[in-house]
Each structure stands twice: as structure tokens, then as C-alpha cells.
């Protein structure tokens, strides 16, 4: 036992000496250590700023749009999933870690809302680097990551938004959906986002697919923004996800992104450390 204790003390002394001799980490050295490209594709799922709009529970349909991939991950930054669905031990952590929950046909990996994220732009480099190490560890084994963002938090989440490979806007069955979702499209487009923007229709119990709002939003975006939006499919009132039938959809655009161009982890880190214009 004494020999083991002595060996542990010597190892600690060696580690302490190495740490003292090591050059202090800088933003450049931190970014240089991030693996590129990212091992997964990433999509920002935008929740429109419509408190009166009703959406079915996200865990009931998100697995469908992620093609039930066992390694897909849903980063719920918008807090769509109730805290009672997530183990309380994770919620109490400063930076919650991924958890598996039951969701429809398959278990779903959730990266819970990171409540300190909005404060990161005002934190020190060391604190930003600590969060980013946590995010990289949590997400690096994923095959695909979808990140929920509320439309009224796009500025605070600009680093996430501009790191993604595509955007998917949730379009509710509501009379104001066309105007409010178009405003969201316009805001994202004018922020300098150039990756595909898709529209995911949610249909009410008595709605027919032909009554979806996305077609009208696409027409207005084409007319006033010269922007070609893509269809992400639709979620029926029974929470069944249906991909588009007669046109290439958002999934096709995501699949077409070359693996070498997927750079979410690096772009997120760079955007947080150097703070993209528009972040608060």
C-alpha cells in the first residue's frame, strides 16, 4: 500500500511539473486541436415566435425526421422537452450531458438545454473553452445532430445557427403562420446564412396536406428574397412524420453536403470564442 501511495505521489509530482511547463492555452491552440471535419451533419430546428401556436411533443416525431438513426442526437436548446422527462441528476449539472429517453418507436438521445449558453459571450476564454470541450465530448459520436432554437433567441444562438449545415423551420397550423415564419426566414437569410432553409409543416386534425402553409411561404420568399426554400415534409396530427413525395426535400440537401464540408464543431467553437456579429 505504501509503495502504491508513493507511486501515486510521484505521478502527481510529474503531472504538476508538466502542467507548469506547458504553454498556456490560447484561442488559436484550442481551435487547432478540434478535429475537422465534424463527424456528423447538423440542422437547426427553428421554433417560430408564436406562443399561441400548438405543436405536438417533439419527442413524438423528431426520431422520424432523423430517420430513426440510433446515433442521431437532439440538442434541445429551445427547451421543448419537459424537465420531468429527463433524469434530474442531469438537469442539476451546470452543463447537462446527453441522456437516452423513450420516444416513439426508438430511444432518443437528448443533449439537454444548456442554460448557461446565452451567457457564454460574456465569459472568459477559459469558461468558453470548458463549455466547448463538454459539447464536443457530448456530440462527437453522433451521426446527425438537430438543435432546437427559438426564433426570438436567434441572435443569442448565432454561433449555433451559422455552424449548421441546414435550417428547418417549424410551420404550425395557425392563421399567422405564413407571416411569422416568413419573418423568421427573412431574418435568417439576412443574417448571412447561405445553407439550405427548409419548412416543416404541422397539420391540424382536420387539415388536408394541400392546406399546408409552406407552399405560400416558399412563393413569398422567392418573390421578395430571391430565395429557394425546400420542403422538409410534414407532421400529421397523430405525430407521424411524412417526407415530401414529389420533390427533393431537406433530407436530400443534407445528404448532398460533402462530409469534408461538415464543420459544426469548429465553426461553433470559432463563433463562440470570437463572437459572430449579431451575438449578444
Protein backbone atom coordinates (compact mmCIF):
# COMPACT_ATOMS: atom_id res chain seq x y z
CA UNK A 1 0.00 0.00 0.00
CA UNK A 2 2.86 2.37 0.87
CA UNK A 3 4.56 1.63 -2.44
CA UNK A 4 1.31 2.39 -4.29
CA UNK A 5 0.87 5.65 -2.38
CA UNK A 6 4.44 6.66 -3.16
CA UNK A 7 3.95 5.89 -6.83
CA UNK A 8 0.77 7.99 -6.94
CA UNK A 9 2.58 10.90 -5.30
CA UNK A 10 5.40 10.69 -7.83
CA UNK A 11 2.94 10.58 -10.71
CA UNK A 12 1.18 13.66 -9.34
CA UNK A 13 4.50 15.49 -9.00
CA UNK A 14 5.36 14.64 -12.61
CA UNK A 15 1.93 15.79 -13.80
CA UNK A 16 2.25 19.03 -11.83
CA UNK A 17 5.68 19.73 -13.32
CA UNK A 18 4.44 19.05 -16.83
CA UNK A 19 1.46 21.33 -16.28
CA UNK A 20 3.75 24.10 -15.00
CA UNK A 21 5.99 23.80 -18.06
CA UNK A 22 3.15 23.65 -20.54
CA UNK A 23 2.42 26.75 -22.61
CA UNK A 24 -0.86 28.42 -21.63
CA UNK A 25 -3.73 27.53 -23.95
CA UNK A 26 -4.81 30.21 -26.38
CA UNK A 27 -7.83 30.55 -28.64
CA UNK A 28 -5.66 29.61 -31.61
CA UNK A 29 -4.23 26.50 -29.98
CA UNK A 30 -7.68 25.43 -28.79
CA UNK A 31 -9.18 25.76 -32.28
CA UNK A 32 -6.19 23.98 -33.81
CA UNK A 33 -6.95 20.93 -31.66
CA UNK A 34 -10.53 20.45 -32.91
CA UNK A 35 -10.98 17.54 -35.29
CA UNK A 36 -12.07 18.67 -38.74
CA UNK A 37 -14.38 17.96 -40.45
CA UNK A 38 -17.12 17.19 -37.95
CA UNK A 39 -18.22 13.55 -37.97
CA UNK A 40 -21.91 14.46 -38.32
CA UNK A 41 -24.32 16.66 -40.24
CA UNK A 42 -26.18 19.34 -38.28
CA UNK A 43 -29.56 21.01 -38.63
CA UNK A 44 -31.04 23.96 -36.71
CA UNK A 45 -34.71 23.33 -35.90
CA UNK A 46 -36.32 26.77 -35.52
CA UNK A 47 -39.37 27.25 -33.31
CA UNK A 48 -41.31 30.32 -34.55
CA UNK A 49 -42.04 33.16 -32.14
CA UNK A 50 -45.72 32.25 -31.77
CA UNK A 51 -46.66 31.46 -28.14
CA UNK A 52 -50.23 30.79 -29.21
CA UNK A 53 -49.25 28.09 -31.72
CA UNK A 54 -49.51 24.49 -30.59
CA UNK A 55 -47.02 21.77 -31.58
CA UNK A 56 -47.14 18.08 -30.65
CA UNK A 57 -44.43 16.90 -28.23
CA UNK A 58 -41.13 16.95 -30.09
CA UNK A 59 -40.07 13.52 -28.79
CA UNK A 60 -43.12 12.02 -30.54
CA UNK A 61 -41.93 12.91 -34.08
CA UNK A 62 -38.28 14.05 -34.10
CA UNK A 63 -36.96 10.47 -34.43
CA UNK A 64 -38.92 10.13 -37.68
CA UNK A 65 -37.32 13.13 -39.33
CA UNK A 66 -33.93 11.85 -38.13
CA UNK A 67 -34.75 8.53 -39.85
CA UNK A 68 -34.71 6.64 -36.53
CA UNK A 69 -30.92 6.60 -36.55
CA UNK A 70 -29.67 5.12 -33.25
CA UNK A 71 -26.73 7.56 -33.22
CA UNK A 72 -28.68 10.72 -34.04
CA UNK A 73 -28.83 13.33 -31.28
CA UNK A 74 -31.33 16.09 -30.49
CA UNK A 75 -29.78 19.13 -28.78
CA UNK A 76 -32.82 20.71 -27.18
CA UNK A 77 -31.51 24.24 -26.68
CA UNK A 78 -35.05 25.62 -27.00
CA UNK A 79 -36.20 23.52 -24.04
CA UNK A 80 -39.02 21.78 -25.89
CA UNK A 81 -38.78 18.61 -23.81
CA UNK A 82 -40.14 18.92 -20.28
CA UNK A 83 -37.61 18.55 -17.48
CA UNK A 84 -39.70 15.78 -15.97
CA UNK A 85 -38.77 13.63 -19.00
CA UNK A 86 -35.04 13.95 -18.28
CA UNK A 87 -33.24 12.41 -15.28
CA UNK A 88 -32.99 15.07 -12.58
CA UNK A 89 -29.33 14.25 -11.98
CA UNK A 90 -28.58 15.62 -15.44
CA UNK A 91 -30.67 18.78 -15.07
CA UNK A 92 -28.79 19.73 -11.91
CA UNK A 93 -25.43 19.71 -13.69
CA UNK A 94 -24.08 23.06 -14.87
CA UNK A 95 -23.65 21.52 -18.31
CA UNK A 96 -26.07 18.57 -18.66
CA UNK A 97 -24.78 15.54 -20.56
CA UNK A 98 -26.62 13.50 -23.21
CA UNK A 99 -29.30 11.09 -21.99
CA UNK A 100 -31.46 8.44 -23.63
CA UNK A 101 -35.22 8.70 -23.30
CA UNK A 102 -38.12 6.71 -24.72
CA UNK A 103 -39.55 8.43 -27.79
CA UNK A 104 -41.99 6.64 -30.05
CA UNK A 105 -40.55 3.61 -31.78
CA UNK A 106 -36.95 4.03 -30.66
CA UNK A 107 -34.97 5.52 -27.78
CA UNK A 108 -33.82 9.08 -28.43
CA UNK A 109 -30.52 10.67 -27.41
CA UNK A 110 -31.13 14.11 -25.91
CA UNK A 111 -28.47 16.74 -25.29
CA UNK A 112 -30.49 18.83 -22.83
CA UNK A 113 -30.80 22.61 -22.87
CA UNK A 114 -27.54 24.27 -21.83
CA UNK A 115 -28.89 27.03 -19.64
CA UNK A 116 -25.60 28.97 -19.45
CA UNK A 117 -25.22 29.15 -23.23
CA UNK A 118 -26.66 32.68 -23.58
CA UNK A 119 -24.12 33.96 -21.05
CA UNK A 120 -21.06 32.45 -22.76
CA UNK A 121 -20.29 35.51 -24.97
CA UNK A 122 -19.66 37.48 -21.77
CA UNK A 123 -17.48 34.80 -20.14
CA UNK A 124 -13.72 34.35 -20.20
CA UNK A 125 -11.93 32.25 -22.80
CA UNK A 126 -11.31 29.54 -20.19
CA UNK A 127 -15.03 29.27 -19.45
CA UNK A 128 -15.91 29.20 -23.16
CA UNK A 129 -13.31 26.50 -23.77
CA UNK A 130 -14.70 24.47 -20.85
CA UNK A 131 -18.20 24.52 -22.35
CA UNK A 132 -16.91 23.70 -25.83
CA UNK A 133 -14.94 20.70 -24.56
CA UNK A 134 -18.15 19.49 -22.95
CA UNK A 135 -20.15 20.00 -26.18
CA UNK A 136 -17.52 18.28 -28.31
CA UNK A 137 -17.35 15.26 -25.97
CA UNK A 138 -21.15 15.07 -25.93
CA UNK A 139 -21.73 15.30 -29.68
CA UNK A 140 -18.67 13.82 -31.39
CA UNK A 141 -20.06 10.27 -31.58
CA UNK A 142 -23.33 11.36 -33.24
CA UNK A 143 -24.23 10.58 -36.82
CA UNK A 144 -26.56 13.59 -37.04
CA UNK A 145 -27.40 16.46 -34.68
CA UNK A 146 -30.60 18.54 -34.69
CA UNK A 147 -30.57 21.64 -32.49
CA UNK A 148 -33.79 23.37 -31.45
CA UNK A 149 -33.60 27.19 -31.32
CA UNK A 150 -36.41 29.62 -30.58
CA UNK A 151 -36.79 32.33 -33.22
CA UNK A 152 -36.57 35.06 -30.59
CA UNK A 153 -33.19 33.66 -29.48
CA UNK A 154 -31.52 33.57 -32.90
CA UNK A 155 -29.11 36.38 -32.04
CA UNK A 156 -28.02 34.70 -28.81
CA UNK A 157 -27.64 31.38 -30.67
CA UNK A 158 -25.94 32.83 -33.76
CA UNK A 159 -22.85 30.67 -33.22
CA UNK A 160 -25.01 27.53 -33.33
CA UNK A 161 -27.11 28.69 -36.29
CA UNK A 162 -24.18 29.64 -38.51
CA UNK A 163 -22.34 26.40 -37.78
CA UNK A 164 -25.15 24.16 -39.07
CA UNK A 165 -25.48 22.52 -42.48
CA UNK A 166 -29.17 23.39 -42.83
CA UNK A 167 -32.15 25.06 -41.15
CA UNK A 168 -35.62 23.58 -40.65
CA UNK A 169 -38.42 25.95 -39.63
CA UNK A 170 -41.47 24.53 -37.85
CA UNK A 171 -44.67 25.82 -39.51
CA UNK A 172 -47.74 25.45 -37.25
CA UNK A 173 -51.38 25.14 -38.34
CA UNK A 174 -52.17 28.73 -37.41
CA UNK A 175 -53.58 31.72 -39.36
CA UNK A 176 -50.47 33.81 -38.63
CA UNK A 177 -48.01 31.08 -39.59
CA UNK A 178 -47.27 32.38 -43.09
CA UNK A 179 -46.32 35.88 -41.94
CA UNK A 180 -44.43 34.88 -38.81
CA UNK A 181 -42.49 32.07 -40.47
CA UNK A 182 -41.64 34.29 -43.43
CA UNK A 183 -40.26 36.87 -40.98
CA UNK A 184 -38.09 34.12 -39.49
CA UNK A 185 -36.88 33.06 -42.94
CA UNK A 186 -36.03 36.68 -43.76
CA UNK A 187 -34.16 37.19 -40.50
CA UNK A 188 -32.06 34.05 -41.02
CA UNK A 189 -31.35 34.89 -44.65
CA UNK A 190 -30.34 38.49 -43.95
CA UNK A 191 -28.02 37.35 -41.16
CA UNK A 192 -25.79 35.90 -43.87
CA UNK A 193 -26.93 32.29 -43.65
CA UNK A 194 -26.36 30.59 -47.01
CA UNK A 195 -27.09 26.91 -46.33
CA UNK A 196 -30.47 25.32 -47.22
CA UNK A 197 -33.57 26.50 -45.36
CA UNK A 198 -36.44 24.03 -45.13
CA UNK A 199 -40.05 24.22 -43.96
CA UNK A 200 -41.63 21.50 -41.82
CA UNK A 201 -45.44 21.63 -41.88
CA UNK A 202 -47.56 20.64 -38.91
CA UNK A 203 -51.12 19.73 -39.82
CA UNK A 204 -54.12 20.01 -37.53
CA UNK A 205 -56.60 17.14 -37.00
CA UNK A 206 -58.94 18.41 -39.73
CA UNK A 207 -56.35 19.73 -42.16
CA UNK A 208 -55.50 18.22 -45.51
CA UNK A 209 -51.93 18.12 -46.85
CA UNK A 210 -52.94 20.51 -49.63
CA UNK A 211 -53.73 23.13 -46.98
CA UNK A 212 -50.14 23.39 -45.71
CA UNK A 213 -48.68 26.88 -45.36
CA UNK A 214 -45.18 26.11 -46.63
CA UNK A 215 -46.06 26.48 -50.32
CA UNK A 216 -47.21 30.07 -49.81
CA UNK A 217 -44.15 30.87 -47.71
CA UNK A 218 -41.94 29.48 -50.49
CA UNK A 219 -43.68 31.69 -53.08
CA UNK A 220 -43.25 34.85 -50.98
CA UNK A 221 -39.60 34.06 -50.20
CA UNK A 222 -38.88 33.52 -53.88
CA UNK A 223 -40.63 36.76 -54.86
CA UNK A 224 -39.16 39.09 -52.25
CA UNK A 225 -35.89 37.44 -51.24
CA UNK A 226 -34.99 35.52 -54.42
CA UNK A 227 -34.64 32.56 -52.06
CA UNK A 228 -35.47 28.96 -52.91
CA UNK A 229 -36.79 27.23 -49.80
CA UNK A 230 -37.06 23.45 -49.63
CA UNK A 231 -39.71 21.19 -48.18
CA UNK A 232 -38.85 19.17 -45.08
CA UNK A 233 -42.09 17.19 -45.08
CA UNK A 234 -44.97 17.29 -42.65
CA UNK A 235 -46.00 16.06 -39.22
CA UNK A 236 -49.61 14.81 -39.04
CA UNK A 237 -51.84 15.34 -36.03
CA UNK A 238 -51.10 11.77 -34.88
CA UNK A 239 -47.37 12.74 -34.78
CA UNK A 240 -46.49 10.70 -37.87
CA UNK A 241 -43.72 12.28 -39.92
CA UNK A 242 -44.12 12.15 -43.72
CA UNK A 243 -41.27 13.13 -46.05
CA UNK A 244 -42.11 15.08 -49.24
CA UNK A 245 -43.29 12.85 -52.06
CA UNK A 246 -42.95 14.77 -55.32
CA UNK A 247 -39.85 16.92 -54.86
CA UNK A 248 -36.35 16.71 -53.40
CA UNK A 249 -36.65 17.60 -49.74
CA UNK A 250 -34.44 18.90 -46.98
CA UNK A 251 -33.06 15.44 -46.26
CA UNK A 252 -31.79 15.23 -49.81
CA UNK A 253 -29.99 18.54 -49.35
CA UNK A 254 -28.48 17.39 -46.06
CA UNK A 255 -27.31 14.13 -47.62
CA UNK A 256 -25.76 16.05 -50.51
CA UNK A 257 -23.43 18.00 -48.20
CA UNK A 258 -19.94 16.57 -48.67
CA UNK A 259 -18.53 15.09 -45.50
CA UNK A 260 -15.43 17.28 -45.83
CA UNK A 261 -17.64 20.38 -45.66
CA UNK A 262 -19.32 19.48 -42.37
CA UNK A 263 -17.60 21.66 -39.81
CA UNK A 264 -20.08 22.21 -37.00
CA UNK A 265 -17.72 21.67 -34.06
CA UNK A 266 -15.04 24.01 -35.37
CA UNK A 267 -17.46 26.70 -36.54
CA UNK A 268 -19.38 26.62 -33.26
CA UNK A 269 -16.14 26.98 -31.33
CA UNK A 270 -14.85 29.78 -33.52
CA UNK A 271 -18.19 31.61 -33.35
CA UNK A 272 -18.30 31.44 -29.56
CA UNK A 273 -14.68 32.37 -28.96
CA UNK A 274 -14.58 35.25 -31.43
CA UNK A 275 -18.30 36.12 -31.24
CA UNK A 276 -20.04 36.44 -34.58
CA UNK A 277 -21.60 39.82 -35.41
CA UNK A 278 -25.11 39.98 -34.01
CA UNK A 279 -24.43 37.88 -30.93
CA UNK A 280 -25.45 39.44 -27.63
